[in-house]
Amino acid sequence: MSGKGYYIAQFFVIVTLITISLSMAGCDVIGGIFKAGIWTGLILIVVLVGVVALIARMFKK
């Protein structure tokens, strides 16, 4: 992508990530992870880090 469309897409991703992070209460998320089990929590964290890395890599190009 280039030009105006690229910046609109980047703005949309940033706004979406901020909205998601503000809508989830940190303590509730961590509590839910431990209730579900440590392995589920680890898999969830690895997937989340992977998605963030993929998004960062996409905008780095």
C-alpha atoms as a PDB file:
ATOM      1  CA  MET A   1       0.000   0.000   0.000  1.00  0.00           C
ATOM      2  CA  SER A   2       1.073   3.514  -0.521  1.00  0.00           C
ATOM      3  CA  GLY A   3      -0.240   6.973   0.014  1.00  0.00           C
ATOM      4  CA  LYS A   4      -3.375   7.897   1.883  1.00  0.00           C
ATOM      5  CA  GLY A   5      -4.793   4.350   2.032  1.00  0.00           C
ATOM      6  CA  TYR A   6      -1.745   3.089   3.926  1.00  0.00           C
ATOM      7  CA  TYR A   7      -2.119   5.748   6.617  1.00  0.00           C
ATOM      8  CA  ILE A   8      -5.851   5.106   6.965  1.00  0.00           C
ATOM      9  CA  ALA A   9      -5.207   1.372   7.425  1.00  0.00           C
ATOM     10  CA  GLN A  10      -2.455   2.064   9.966  1.00  0.00           C
ATOM     11  CA  PHE A  11      -4.718   4.461  11.877  1.00  0.00           C
ATOM     12  CA  PHE A  12      -7.506   1.860  11.901  1.00  0.00           C
ATOM     13  CA  VAL A  13      -5.192  -0.819  13.357  1.00  0.00           C
ATOM     14  CA  ILE A  14      -3.887   1.526  16.047  1.00  0.00           C
ATOM     15  CA  VAL A  15      -7.390   2.653  17.051  1.00  0.00           C
ATOM     16  CA  THR A  16      -8.569  -0.969  17.147  1.00  0.00           C
ATOM     17  CA  LEU A  17      -5.672  -2.061  19.368  1.00  0.00           C
ATOM     18  CA  ILE A  18      -6.212   0.862  21.740  1.00  0.00           C
ATOM     19  CA  THR A  19      -9.952   0.154  21.929  1.00  0.00           C
ATOM     20  CA  ILE A  20      -9.376  -3.524  22.685  1.00  0.00           C
ATOM     21  CA  SER A  21      -6.750  -2.795  25.320  1.00  0.00           C
ATOM     22  CA  LEU A  22      -8.955  -0.232  27.076  1.00  0.00           C
ATOM     23  CA  SER A  23     -12.070  -2.401  26.985  1.00  0.00           C
ATOM     24  CA  MET A  24     -10.459  -5.363  28.768  1.00  0.00           C
ATOM     25  CA  ALA A  25      -9.767  -5.076  32.469  1.00  0.00           C
ATOM     26  CA  GLY A  26      -6.235  -6.343  33.130  1.00  0.00           C
ATOM     27  CA  CYS A  27      -7.004  -8.111  36.399  1.00  0.00           C
ATOM     28  CA  ASP A  28     -10.029  -9.904  34.930  1.00  0.00           C
ATOM     29  CA  VAL A  29      -8.008 -11.147  31.974  1.00  0.00           C
ATOM     30  CA  ILE A  30      -5.175 -12.462  34.152  1.00  0.00           C
ATOM     31  CA  GLY A  31      -7.663 -14.055  36.564  1.00  0.00           C
ATOM     32  CA  GLY A  32      -9.441 -15.768  33.687  1.00  0.00           C
ATOM     33  CA  ILE A  33      -6.157 -17.086  32.316  1.00  0.00           C
ATOM     34  CA  PHE A  34      -5.241 -18.684  35.636  1.00  0.00           C
ATOM     35  CA  LYS A  35      -8.705 -20.180  36.010  1.00  0.00           C
ATOM     36  CA  ALA A  36      -8.437 -21.738  32.553  1.00  0.00           C
ATOM     37  CA  GLY A  37      -5.053 -23.236  33.359  1.00  0.00           C
ATOM     38  CA  ILE A  38      -1.436 -22.291  32.950  1.00  0.00           C
ATOM     39  CA  TRP A  39      -1.004 -24.040  29.589  1.00  0.00           C
ATOM     40  CA  THR A  40      -3.993 -22.268  28.110  1.00  0.00           C
ATOM     41  CA  GLY A  41      -2.560 -19.002  29.396  1.00  0.00           C
ATOM     42  CA  LEU A  42       0.853 -19.688  27.905  1.00  0.00           C
ATOM     43  CA  ILE A  43      -0.637 -20.589  24.523  1.00  0.00           C
ATOM     44  CA  LEU A  44      -2.791 -17.453  24.617  1.00  0.00           C
ATOM     45  CA  ILE A  45       0.214 -15.260  25.427  1.00  0.00           C
ATOM     46  CA  VAL A  46       2.351 -16.823  22.668  1.00  0.00           C
ATOM     47  CA  VAL A  47      -0.435 -16.325  20.118  1.00  0.00           C
ATOM     48  CA  LEU A  48      -0.993 -12.741  21.259  1.00  0.00           C
ATOM     49  CA  VAL A  49       2.723 -11.901  21.020  1.00  0.00           C
ATOM     50  CA  GLY A  50       2.819 -13.516  17.573  1.00  0.00           C
ATOM     51  CA  VAL A  51      -0.101 -11.426  16.333  1.00  0.00           C
ATOM     52  CA  VAL A  52       1.437  -8.212  17.659  1.00  0.00           C
ATOM     53  CA  ALA A  53       4.779  -9.120  16.044  1.00  0.00           C
ATOM     54  CA  LEU A  54       3.027  -9.850  12.737  1.00  0.00           C
ATOM     55  CA  ILE A  55       1.231  -6.500  12.822  1.00  0.00           C
ATOM     56  CA  ALA A  56       4.467  -4.695  13.676  1.00  0.00           C
ATOM     57  CA  ARG A  57       6.287  -6.492  10.873  1.00  0.00           C
ATOM     58  CA  MET A  58       3.503  -5.615   8.418  1.00  0.00           C
ATOM     59  CA  PHE A  59       3.883  -1.896   9.116  1.00  0.00           C
ATOM     60  CA  LYS A  60       7.672  -2.007   9.144  1.00  0.00           C
ATOM     61  CA  LYS A  61       7.853  -2.737   5.403  1.00  0.00           C
END
